[in-house]
All heavy atoms as atom14 arrays in JSON, in Angstrom:
{
  "sequence": "KYYVTGNGEIANPTKNFVKTFNEQGDIIKREYIPDYPNQVIIQKISYY",
  "atom14_mask": [
    [1, 1, 1, 1, 1, 1, 1, 1, 1, 0, 0, 0, 0, 0],
    [1, 1, 1, 1, 1, 1, 1, 1, 1, 1, 1, 1, 0, 0],
    [1, 1, 1, 1, 1, 1, 1, 1, 1, 1, 1, 1, 0, 0],
    [1, 1, 1, 1, 1, 1, 1, 0, 0, 0, 0, 0, 0, 0],
    [1, 1, 1, 1, 1, 1, 1, 0, 0, 0, 0, 0, 0, 0],
    [1, 1, 1, 1, 0, 0, 0, 0, 0, 0, 0, 0, 0, 0],
    [1, 1, 1, 1, 1, 1, 1, 1, 0, 0, 0, 0, 0, 0],
    [1, 1, 1, 1, 0, 0, 0, 0, 0, 0, 0, 0, 0, 0],
    [1, 1, 1, 1, 1, 1, 1, 1, 1, 0, 0, 0, 0, 0],
    [1, 1, 1, 1, 1, 1, 1, 1, 0, 0, 0, 0, 0, 0],
    [1, 1, 1, 1, 1, 0, 0, 0, 0, 0, 0, 0, 0, 0],
    [1, 1, 1, 1, 1, 1, 1, 1, 0, 0, 0, 0, 0, 0],
    [1, 1, 1, 1, 1, 1, 1, 0, 0, 0, 0, 0, 0, 0],
    [1, 1, 1, 1, 1, 1, 1, 0, 0, 0, 0, 0, 0, 0],
    [1, 1, 1, 1, 1, 1, 1, 1, 1, 0, 0, 0, 0, 0],
    [1, 1, 1, 1, 1, 1, 1, 1, 0, 0, 0, 0, 0, 0],
    [1, 1, 1, 1, 1, 1, 1, 1, 1, 1, 1, 0, 0, 0],
    [1, 1, 1, 1, 1, 1, 1, 0, 0, 0, 0, 0, 0, 0],
    [1, 1, 1, 1, 1, 1, 1, 1, 1, 0, 0, 0, 0, 0],
    [1, 1, 1, 1, 1, 1, 1, 0, 0, 0, 0, 0, 0, 0],
    [1, 1, 1, 1, 1, 1, 1, 1, 1, 1, 1, 0, 0, 0],
    [1, 1, 1, 1, 1, 1, 1, 1, 0, 0, 0, 0, 0, 0],
    [1, 1, 1, 1, 1, 1, 1, 1, 1, 0, 0, 0, 0, 0],
    [1, 1, 1, 1, 1, 1, 1, 1, 1, 0, 0, 0, 0, 0],
    [1, 1, 1, 1, 0, 0, 0, 0, 0, 0, 0, 0, 0, 0],
    [1, 1, 1, 1, 1, 1, 1, 1, 0, 0, 0, 0, 0, 0],
    [1, 1, 1, 1, 1, 1, 1, 1, 0, 0, 0, 0, 0, 0],
    [1, 1, 1, 1, 1, 1, 1, 1, 0, 0, 0, 0, 0, 0],
    [1, 1, 1, 1, 1, 1, 1, 1, 1, 0, 0, 0, 0, 0],
    [1, 1, 1, 1, 1, 1, 1, 1, 1, 1, 1, 0, 0, 0],
    [1, 1, 1, 1, 1, 1, 1, 1, 1, 0, 0, 0, 0, 0],
    [1, 1, 1, 1, 1, 1, 1, 1, 1, 1, 1, 1, 0, 0],
    [1, 1, 1, 1, 1, 1, 1, 1, 0, 0, 0, 0, 0, 0],
    [1, 1, 1, 1, 1, 1, 1, 0, 0, 0, 0, 0, 0, 0],
    [1, 1, 1, 1, 1, 1, 1, 1, 0, 0, 0, 0, 0, 0],
    [1, 1, 1, 1, 1, 1, 1, 1, 1, 1, 1, 1, 0, 0],
    [1, 1, 1, 1, 1, 1, 1, 0, 0, 0, 0, 0, 0, 0],
    [1, 1, 1, 1, 1, 1, 1, 1, 0, 0, 0, 0, 0, 0],
    [1, 1, 1, 1, 1, 1, 1, 1, 1, 0, 0, 0, 0, 0],
    [1, 1, 1, 1, 1, 1, 1, 0, 0, 0, 0, 0, 0, 0],
    [1, 1, 1, 1, 1, 1, 1, 1, 0, 0, 0, 0, 0, 0],
    [1, 1, 1, 1, 1, 1, 1, 1, 0, 0, 0, 0, 0, 0],
    [1, 1, 1, 1, 1, 1, 1, 1, 1, 0, 0, 0, 0, 0],
    [1, 1, 1, 1, 1, 1, 1, 1, 1, 0, 0, 0, 0, 0],
    [1, 1, 1, 1, 1, 1, 1, 1, 0, 0, 0, 0, 0, 0],
    [1, 1, 1, 1, 1, 1, 0, 0, 0, 0, 0, 0, 0, 0],
    [1, 1, 1, 1, 1, 1, 1, 1, 1, 1, 1, 1, 0, 0],
    [1, 1, 1, 1, 1, 1, 1, 1, 1, 1, 1, 1, 0, 0]
  ],
  "atom14_positions": [
    [[2.89, 1.96, 8.64], [1.64, 1.33, 8.3], [0.59, 2.44, 8.09], [0.42, 3.31, 8.99], [1.19, 0.4, 9.43], [2.14, -0.79, 9.63], [1.64, -1.68, 10.77], [2.57, -2.87, 10.98], [2.08, -3.73, 12.11], [0.0, 0.0, 0.0], [0.0, 0.0, 0.0], [0.0, 0.0, 0.0], [0.0, 0.0, 0.0], [0.0, 0.0, 0.0]],
    [[-0.09, 2.4, 6.97], [-1.04, 3.41, 6.63], [-2.46, 2.85, 6.67], [-2.7, 1.72, 6.26], [-0.8, 3.94, 5.18], [0.55, 4.59, 5.02], [1.68, 3.8, 4.76], [0.73, 5.93, 5.05], [2.93, 4.35, 4.54], [1.97, 6.53, 4.83], [3.07, 5.75, 4.6], [4.31, 6.31, 4.4], [0.0, 0.0, 0.0], [0.0, 0.0, 0.0]],
    [[-3.4, 3.69, 7.12], [-4.79, 3.39, 7.09], [-5.56, 4.63, 6.57], [-5.39, 5.72, 7.15], [-5.36, 2.97, 8.45], [-6.85, 2.86, 8.51], [-7.53, 1.81, 7.91], [-7.6, 3.86, 9.13], [-8.94, 1.7, 7.97], [-8.98, 3.74, 9.23], [-9.67, 2.7, 8.61], [-11.0, 2.61, 8.65], [0.0, 0.0, 0.0], [0.0, 0.0, 0.0]],
    [[-6.31, 4.49, 5.52], [-7.03, 5.66, 4.95], [-8.46, 5.3, 4.63], [-8.79, 4.13, 4.28], [-6.35, 6.22, 3.67], [-5.04, 6.84, 4.0], [-6.2, 5.13, 2.64], [0.0, 0.0, 0.0], [0.0, 0.0, 0.0], [0.0, 0.0, 0.0], [0.0, 0.0, 0.0], [0.0, 0.0, 0.0], [0.0, 0.0, 0.0], [0.0, 0.0, 0.0]],
    [[-9.35, 6.26, 4.76], [-10.73, 6.1, 4.35], [-11.1, 7.28, 3.48], [-10.28, 8.15, 3.19], [-11.65, 6.04, 5.59], [-11.59, 7.3, 6.29], [-11.3, 4.91, 6.51], [0.0, 0.0, 0.0], [0.0, 0.0, 0.0], [0.0, 0.0, 0.0], [0.0, 0.0, 0.0], [0.0, 0.0, 0.0], [0.0, 0.0, 0.0], [0.0, 0.0, 0.0]],
    [[-12.33, 7.31, 3.01], [-12.77, 8.47, 2.22], [-12.03, 8.58, 0.89], [-11.75, 7.58, 0.23], [0.0, 0.0, 0.0], [0.0, 0.0, 0.0], [0.0, 0.0, 0.0], [0.0, 0.0, 0.0], [0.0, 0.0, 0.0], [0.0, 0.0, 0.0], [0.0, 0.0, 0.0], [0.0, 0.0, 0.0], [0.0, 0.0, 0.0], [0.0, 0.0, 0.0]],
    [[-11.6, 9.79, 0.57], [-10.9, 10.02, -0.72], [-9.56, 9.27, -0.79], [-9.07, 9.06, -1.82], [-10.7, 11.53, -0.93], [-11.92, 12.21, -1.42], [-12.98, 11.55, -1.64], [-11.87, 13.51, -1.6], [0.0, 0.0, 0.0], [0.0, 0.0, 0.0], [0.0, 0.0, 0.0], [0.0, 0.0, 0.0], [0.0, 0.0, 0.0], [0.0, 0.0, 0.0]],
    [[-8.99, 8.97, 0.39], [-7.77, 8.21, 0.38], [-7.94, 6.82, -0.21], [-6.94, 6.21, -0.71], [0.0, 0.0, 0.0], [0.0, 0.0, 0.0], [0.0, 0.0, 0.0], [0.0, 0.0, 0.0], [0.0, 0.0, 0.0], [0.0, 0.0, 0.0], [0.0, 0.0, 0.0], [0.0, 0.0, 0.0], [0.0, 0.0, 0.0], [0.0, 0.0, 0.0]],
    [[-9.11, 6.3, -0.25], [-9.44, 4.98, -0.89], [-9.45, 5.1, -2.42], [-9.36, 4.12, -3.13], [-10.72, 4.43, -0.35], [-10.69, 4.15, 1.13], [-12.06, 3.7, 1.62], [-12.45, 2.54, 1.31], [-12.73, 4.47, 2.34], [0.0, 0.0, 0.0], [0.0, 0.0, 0.0], [0.0, 0.0, 0.0], [0.0, 0.0, 0.0], [0.0, 0.0, 0.0]],
    [[-9.64, 6.35, -2.92], [-9.61, 6.53, -4.36], [-8.17, 6.52, -4.87], [-7.87, 5.97, -5.88], [-10.31, 7.88, -4.73], [-11.76, 7.86, -4.26], [-10.22, 8.15, -6.23], [-12.48, 9.16, -4.47], [0.0, 0.0, 0.0], [0.0, 0.0, 0.0], [0.0, 0.0, 0.0], [0.0, 0.0, 0.0], [0.0, 0.0, 0.0], [0.0, 0.0, 0.0]],
    [[-7.28, 7.16, -4.1], [-5.88, 7.25, -4.49], [-5.12, 5.93, -4.27], [-4.08, 5.74, -4.86], [-5.19, 8.38, -3.72], [0.0, 0.0, 0.0], [0.0, 0.0, 0.0], [0.0, 0.0, 0.0], [0.0, 0.0, 0.0], [0.0, 0.0, 0.0], [0.0, 0.0, 0.0], [0.0, 0.0, 0.0], [0.0, 0.0, 0.0], [0.0, 0.0, 0.0]],
    [[-5.67, 5.06, -3.43], [-5.02, 3.79, -3.13], [-6.04, 2.63, -3.34], [-7.21, 2.81, -3.03], [-4.49, 3.79, -1.7], [-3.55, 4.87, -1.42], [-2.35, 4.8, -1.8], [-3.95, 5.96, -0.78], [0.0, 0.0, 0.0], [0.0, 0.0, 0.0], [0.0, 0.0, 0.0], [0.0, 0.0, 0.0], [0.0, 0.0, 0.0], [0.0, 0.0, 0.0]],
    [[-5.55, 1.52, -3.76], [-6.45, 0.39, -4.03], [-7.05, -0.27, -2.75], [-8.01, -0.99, -2.82], [-5.64, -0.61, -4.8], [-4.22, -0.32, -4.43], [-4.2, 1.16, -4.18], [0.0, 0.0, 0.0], [0.0, 0.0, 0.0], [0.0, 0.0, 0.0], [0.0, 0.0, 0.0], [0.0, 0.0, 0.0], [0.0, 0.0, 0.0], [0.0, 0.0, 0.0]],
    [[-6.38, -0.04, -1.6], [-6.88, -0.62, -0.35], [-6.76, 0.41, 0.76], [-6.06, 1.39, 0.66], [-6.05, -1.85, 0.03], [-4.68, -1.46, 0.31], [-6.04, -2.92, -1.05], [0.0, 0.0, 0.0], [0.0, 0.0, 0.0], [0.0, 0.0, 0.0], [0.0, 0.0, 0.0], [0.0, 0.0, 0.0], [0.0, 0.0, 0.0], [0.0, 0.0, 0.0]],
    [[-7.48, 0.13, 1.87], [-7.47, 1.01, 3.02], [-6.19, 0.89, 3.79], [-5.72, 1.87, 4.41], [-8.64, 0.71, 3.94], [-10.01, 1.04, 3.4], [-11.07, 0.69, 4.41], [-12.47, 1.03, 3.89], [-13.53, 0.73, 4.88], [0.0, 0.0, 0.0], [0.0, 0.0, 0.0], [0.0, 0.0, 0.0], [0.0, 0.0, 0.0], [0.0, 0.0, 0.0]],
    [[-5.57, -0.27, 3.79], [-4.34, -0.52, 4.56], [-3.18, -0.88, 3.64], [-3.38, -1.7, 2.71], [-4.57, -1.72, 5.54], [-5.58, -1.41, 6.61], [-5.26, -0.78, 7.62], [-6.82, -1.86, 6.43], [0.0, 0.0, 0.0], [0.0, 0.0, 0.0], [0.0, 0.0, 0.0], [0.0, 0.0, 0.0], [0.0, 0.0, 0.0], [0.0, 0.0, 0.0]],
    [[-2.06, -0.25, 3.9], [-0.88, -0.6, 3.16], [0.37, -0.21, 4.0], [0.26, 0.48, 4.97], [-0.79, 0.1, 1.78], [-1.02, 1.59, 1.78], [0.06, 2.49, 1.76], [-2.28, 2.1, 1.84], [-0.14, 3.83, 1.77], [-2.52, 3.5, 1.83], [-1.44, 4.39, 1.81], [0.0, 0.0, 0.0], [0.0, 0.0, 0.0], [0.0, 0.0, 0.0]],
    [[1.51, -0.84, 3.64], [2.76, -0.7, 4.41], [3.86, -0.3, 3.44], [3.97, -0.79, 2.32], [3.11, -2.05, 5.07], [4.41, -1.84, 5.88], [1.99, -2.48, 6.0], [0.0, 0.0, 0.0], [0.0, 0.0, 0.0], [0.0, 0.0, 0.0], [0.0, 0.0, 0.0], [0.0, 0.0, 0.0], [0.0, 0.0, 0.0], [0.0, 0.0, 0.0]],
    [[4.68, 0.66, 3.88], [5.88, 1.1, 3.15], [7.11, 0.87, 4.01], [7.1, 1.11, 5.22], [5.75, 2.54, 2.74], [4.68, 2.88, 1.77], [4.66, 4.37, 1.39], [3.55, 4.68, 0.41], [3.52, 6.11, 0.02], [0.0, 0.0, 0.0], [0.0, 0.0, 0.0], [0.0, 0.0, 0.0], [0.0, 0.0, 0.0], [0.0, 0.0, 0.0]],
    [[8.14, 0.38, 3.38], [9.43, 0.19, 4.05], [10.43, 1.17, 3.45], [10.45, 1.4, 2.24], [9.92, -1.26, 3.81], [8.89, -2.18, 4.22], [11.16, -1.52, 4.62], [0.0, 0.0, 0.0], [0.0, 0.0, 0.0], [0.0, 0.0, 0.0], [0.0, 0.0, 0.0], [0.0, 0.0, 0.0], [0.0, 0.0, 0.0], [0.0, 0.0, 0.0]],
    [[11.28, 1.73, 4.32], [12.22, 2.74, 3.9], [13.68, 2.35, 4.26], [13.88, 1.57, 5.22], [11.88, 4.09, 4.6], [10.55, 4.61, 4.2], [9.38, 4.17, 4.85], [10.41, 5.55, 3.18], [8.13, 4.64, 4.44], [9.15, 6.0, 2.82], [7.99, 5.55, 3.47], [0.0, 0.0, 0.0], [0.0, 0.0, 0.0], [0.0, 0.0, 0.0]],
    [[14.62, 2.89, 3.5], [16.04, 2.57, 3.81], [16.61, 3.69, 4.74], [15.89, 4.6, 5.14], [16.82, 2.47, 2.55], [16.85, 3.74, 1.66], [16.47, 4.84, 2.17], [17.22, 3.64, 0.42], [0.0, 0.0, 0.0], [0.0, 0.0, 0.0], [0.0, 0.0, 0.0], [0.0, 0.0, 0.0], [0.0, 0.0, 0.0], [0.0, 0.0, 0.0]],
    [[17.85, 3.6, 5.03], [18.49, 4.51, 5.95], [18.5, 5.95, 5.45], [18.5, 6.9, 6.23], [19.95, 4.03, 6.24], [20.61, 4.81, 7.34], [22.0, 4.3, 7.68], [22.38, 3.25, 7.09], [22.68, 4.89, 8.52], [0.0, 0.0, 0.0], [0.0, 0.0, 0.0], [0.0, 0.0, 0.0], [0.0, 0.0, 0.0], [0.0, 0.0, 0.0]],
    [[18.44, 6.12, 4.14], [18.39, 7.48, 3.57], [17.01, 8.08, 3.63], [16.78, 9.21, 3.26], [18.87, 7.45, 2.1], [20.39, 7.33, 1.95], [20.89, 5.9, 2.27], [20.19, 4.91, 1.97], [22.08, 5.8, 2.87], [0.0, 0.0, 0.0], [0.0, 0.0, 0.0], [0.0, 0.0, 0.0], [0.0, 0.0, 0.0], [0.0, 0.0, 0.0]],
    [[16.0, 7.27, 4.03], [14.62, 7.75, 4.13], [13.85, 7.55, 2.83], [12.74, 8.1, 2.69], [0.0, 0.0, 0.0], [0.0, 0.0, 0.0], [0.0, 0.0, 0.0], [0.0, 0.0, 0.0], [0.0, 0.0, 0.0], [0.0, 0.0, 0.0], [0.0, 0.0, 0.0], [0.0, 0.0, 0.0], [0.0, 0.0, 0.0], [0.0, 0.0, 0.0]],
    [[14.35, 6.77, 1.91], [13.66, 6.55, 0.65], [12.95, 5.21, 0.63], [13.41, 4.23, 1.19], [14.68, 6.55, -0.5], [15.32, 7.97, -0.66], [14.59, 8.94, -0.66], [16.56, 7.99, -0.79], [0.0, 0.0, 0.0], [0.0, 0.0, 0.0], [0.0, 0.0, 0.0], [0.0, 0.0, 0.0], [0.0, 0.0, 0.0], [0.0, 0.0, 0.0]],
    [[11.77, 5.19, 0.02], [10.95, 4.0, 0.01], [11.63, 2.87, -0.78], [12.26, 3.07, -1.86], [9.57, 4.26, -0.65], [8.69, 3.05, -0.58], [9.7, 4.84, -2.07], [7.25, 3.3, -0.98], [0.0, 0.0, 0.0], [0.0, 0.0, 0.0], [0.0, 0.0, 0.0], [0.0, 0.0, 0.0], [0.0, 0.0, 0.0], [0.0, 0.0, 0.0]],
    [[11.67, 1.65, -0.21], [12.23, 0.51, -0.91], [11.22, -0.63, -1.15], [11.47, -1.51, -1.94], [13.45, -0.07, -0.15], [13.04, -0.43, 1.27], [14.62, 0.92, -0.14], [14.19, -1.15, 2.05], [0.0, 0.0, 0.0], [0.0, 0.0, 0.0], [0.0, 0.0, 0.0], [0.0, 0.0, 0.0], [0.0, 0.0, 0.0], [0.0, 0.0, 0.0]],
    [[10.07, -0.54, -0.48], [9.01, -1.52, -0.68], [7.65, -0.94, -0.31], [7.54, -0.15, 0.6], [9.25, -2.76, 0.12], [8.23, -3.89, -0.06], [8.54, -5.07, 0.85], [7.55, -6.21, 0.69], [7.8, -7.34, 1.6], [0.0, 0.0, 0.0], [0.0, 0.0, 0.0], [0.0, 0.0, 0.0], [0.0, 0.0, 0.0], [0.0, 0.0, 0.0]],
    [[6.64, -1.26, -1.1], [5.25, -0.87, -0.86], [4.36, -2.08, -1.06], [4.44, -2.77, -2.01], [4.84, 0.25, -1.81], [3.43, 0.75, -1.62], [3.03, 1.78, -2.68], [3.06, 1.19, -4.02], [2.82, 1.92, -5.14], [2.63, 3.22, -5.06], [2.81, 1.33, -6.33], [0.0, 0.0, 0.0], [0.0, 0.0, 0.0], [0.0, 0.0, 0.0]],
    [[3.54, -2.32, -0.01], [2.67, -3.51, -0.1], [1.24, -3.08, 0.31], [1.0, -2.56, 1.4], [3.13, -4.62, 0.84], [2.24, -5.86, 0.79], [2.78, -7.0, 1.55], [3.83, -6.89, 2.21], [2.15, -8.08, 1.55], [0.0, 0.0, 0.0], [0.0, 0.0, 0.0], [0.0, 0.0, 0.0], [0.0, 0.0, 0.0], [0.0, 0.0, 0.0]],
    [[0.3, -3.37, -0.56], [-1.14, -3.14, -0.28], [-1.74, -4.39, 0.36], [-1.59, -5.5, -0.13], [-1.87, -2.75, -1.55], [-1.54, -1.37, -2.06], [-0.67, -1.23, -3.2], [-1.99, -0.23, -1.41], [-0.37, 0.03, -3.65], [-1.66, 0.99, -1.87], [-0.85, 1.15, -3.0], [-0.52, 2.39, -3.42], [0.0, 0.0, 0.0], [0.0, 0.0, 0.0]],
    [[-2.49, -4.15, 1.49], [-3.12, -5.27, 2.18], [-4.58, -5.34, 1.72], [-5.33, -4.37, 1.82], [-3.11, -4.99, 3.71], [-1.65, -4.63, 4.18], [-3.62, -6.23, 4.45], [-0.64, -5.67, 3.9], [0.0, 0.0, 0.0], [0.0, 0.0, 0.0], [0.0, 0.0, 0.0], [0.0, 0.0, 0.0], [0.0, 0.0, 0.0], [0.0, 0.0, 0.0]],
    [[-5.0, -6.49, 1.18], [-6.36, -6.6, 0.62], [-7.44, -6.28, 1.63], [-7.31, -6.58, 2.83], [-6.44, -8.09, 0.23], [-5.0, -8.49, 0.0], [-4.19, -7.75, 1.01], [0.0, 0.0, 0.0], [0.0, 0.0, 0.0], [0.0, 0.0, 0.0], [0.0, 0.0, 0.0], [0.0, 0.0, 0.0], [0.0, 0.0, 0.0], [0.0, 0.0, 0.0]],
    [[-8.48, -5.59, 1.18], [-9.62, -5.25, 2.0], [-10.54, -6.45, 2.2], [-11.29, -6.51, 3.21], [-10.43, -4.13, 1.38], [-9.7, -2.78, 1.41], [-8.86, -2.6, 2.31], [-9.92, -1.97, 0.48], [0.0, 0.0, 0.0], [0.0, 0.0, 0.0], [0.0, 0.0, 0.0], [0.0, 0.0, 0.0], [0.0, 0.0, 0.0], [0.0, 0.0, 0.0]],
    [[-10.5, -7.4, 1.31], [-11.33, -8.59, 1.38], [-10.64, -9.72, 0.6], [-9.76, -9.5, -0.22], [-12.71, -8.3, 0.78], [-12.7, -7.65, -0.6], [-12.63, -8.49, -1.74], [-12.72, -6.29, -0.73], [-12.59, -7.91, -2.99], [-12.67, -5.71, -2.01], [-12.64, -6.51, -3.11], [-12.59, -5.94, -4.37], [0.0, 0.0, 0.0], [0.0, 0.0, 0.0]],
    [[-11.01, -11.0, 0.85], [-10.35, -12.11, 0.18], [-10.52, -12.04, -1.33], [-11.54, -11.59, -1.86], [-11.12, -13.31, 0.76], [-11.66, -12.85, 2.08], [-11.99, -11.42, 1.89], [0.0, 0.0, 0.0], [0.0, 0.0, 0.0], [0.0, 0.0, 0.0], [0.0, 0.0, 0.0], [0.0, 0.0, 0.0], [0.0, 0.0, 0.0], [0.0, 0.0, 0.0]],
    [[-9.5, -12.4, -2.02], [-9.46, -12.49, -3.48], [-9.58, -11.1, -4.14], [-9.94, -11.04, -5.36], [-10.56, -13.42, -4.02], [-10.41, -14.83, -3.44], [-9.32, -15.37, -3.33], [-11.54, -15.43, -3.04], [0.0, 0.0, 0.0], [0.0, 0.0, 0.0], [0.0, 0.0, 0.0], [0.0, 0.0, 0.0], [0.0, 0.0, 0.0], [0.0, 0.0, 0.0]],
    [[-9.29, -10.06, -3.43], [-9.34, -8.72, -4.08], [-8.22, -8.63, -5.1], [-7.09, -9.04, -4.87], [-9.13, -7.62, -3.03], [-9.16, -6.23, -3.64], [-8.92, -5.11, -2.59], [-8.68, -5.43, -1.4], [-9.0, -3.91, -2.99], [0.0, 0.0, 0.0], [0.0, 0.0, 0.0], [0.0, 0.0, 0.0], [0.0, 0.0, 0.0], [0.0, 0.0, 0.0]],
    [[-8.58, -8.17, -6.31], [-7.57, -7.98, -7.39], [-6.87, -6.68, -7.2], [-7.48, -5.61, -7.21], [-8.23, -8.08, -8.74], [-7.21, -7.82, -9.86], [-8.91, -9.43, -8.97], [0.0, 0.0, 0.0], [0.0, 0.0, 0.0], [0.0, 0.0, 0.0], [0.0, 0.0, 0.0], [0.0, 0.0, 0.0], [0.0, 0.0, 0.0], [0.0, 0.0, 0.0]],
    [[-5.52, -6.73, -7.0], [-4.73, -5.5, -6.82], [-3.67, -5.52, -7.91], [-2.81, -6.45, -7.95], [-4.07, -5.47, -5.44], [-5.19, -5.55, -4.35], [-3.25, -4.19, -5.28], [-4.64, -5.7, -2.97], [0.0, 0.0, 0.0], [0.0, 0.0, 0.0], [0.0, 0.0, 0.0], [0.0, 0.0, 0.0], [0.0, 0.0, 0.0], [0.0, 0.0, 0.0]],
    [[-3.63, -4.5, -8.78], [-2.69, -4.51, -9.87], [-1.23, -4.47, -9.39], [-0.35, -5.19, -9.89], [-2.96, -3.32, -10.84], [-4.37, -3.45, -11.44], [-1.87, -3.2, -11.89], [-4.74, -2.27, -12.33], [0.0, 0.0, 0.0], [0.0, 0.0, 0.0], [0.0, 0.0, 0.0], [0.0, 0.0, 0.0], [0.0, 0.0, 0.0], [0.0, 0.0, 0.0]],
    [[-0.97, -3.63, -8.42], [0.38, -3.48, -7.87], [0.34, -3.88, -6.38], [0.38, -3.02, -5.5], [0.89, -2.06, -8.0], [0.98, -1.53, -9.41], [1.39, -0.04, -9.4], [2.0, 0.44, -8.48], [1.05, 0.63, -10.47], [0.0, 0.0, 0.0], [0.0, 0.0, 0.0], [0.0, 0.0, 0.0], [0.0, 0.0, 0.0], [0.0, 0.0, 0.0]],
    [[0.27, -5.17, -6.07], [0.17, -5.53, -4.69], [1.45, -5.26, -3.96], [1.46, -4.72, -2.83], [-0.21, -7.01, -4.56], [-0.48, -7.49, -3.12], [-0.95, -8.92, -3.13], [-1.41, -9.34, -1.72], [-0.33, -9.21, -0.74], [0.0, 0.0, 0.0], [0.0, 0.0, 0.0], [0.0, 0.0, 0.0], [0.0, 0.0, 0.0], [0.0, 0.0, 0.0]],
    [[2.59, -5.66, -4.55], [3.88, -5.4, -3.92], [4.82, -4.72, -4.94], [4.96, -5.18, -6.08], [4.54, -6.68, -3.42], [3.59, -7.4, -2.37], [5.88, -6.4, -2.74], [4.13, -8.71, -1.87], [0.0, 0.0, 0.0], [0.0, 0.0, 0.0], [0.0, 0.0, 0.0], [0.0, 0.0, 0.0], [0.0, 0.0, 0.0], [0.0, 0.0, 0.0]],
    [[5.44, -3.65, -4.53], [6.35, -2.91, -5.42], [7.71, -2.73, -4.7], [7.76, -2.67, -3.43], [5.78, -1.53, -5.71], [4.53, -1.65, -6.31], [0.0, 0.0, 0.0], [0.0, 0.0, 0.0], [0.0, 0.0, 0.0], [0.0, 0.0, 0.0], [0.0, 0.0, 0.0], [0.0, 0.0, 0.0], [0.0, 0.0, 0.0], [0.0, 0.0, 0.0]],
    [[8.79, -2.66, -5.47], [10.12, -2.5, -4.91], [10.82, -1.34, -5.61], [10.51, -1.01, -6.79], [10.94, -3.75, -5.1], [10.42, -4.96, -4.33], [9.52, -5.85, -4.92], [10.88, -5.22, -3.05], [9.04, -6.92, -4.19], [10.41, -6.31, -2.32], [9.45, -7.19, -2.91], [8.98, -8.25, -2.23], [0.0, 0.0, 0.0], [0.0, 0.0, 0.0]],
    [[11.82, -0.77, -4.9], [12.58, 0.4, -5.42], [14.02, 0.23, -5.05], [14.37, -0.07, -3.91], [12.02, 1.68, -4.81], [10.53, 1.89, -4.97], [9.62, 1.24, -4.12], [10.03, 2.7, -5.99], [8.23, 1.42, -4.27], [8.63, 2.87, -6.13], [7.78, 2.19, -5.27], [6.42, 2.39, -5.41], [0.0, 0.0, 0.0], [0.0, 0.0, 0.0]]
  ]
}
């Protein structure tokens, strides 16, 4: 679970997001948690 402020908010669409990893240590899911209701997020959930 990630939380970023400052310049980290420029690189990511939200302050909070979650990444899931497989046994090899590679990302298999990324989900951005909206900062406020009805926030438009282009890539809300991604899979790998």
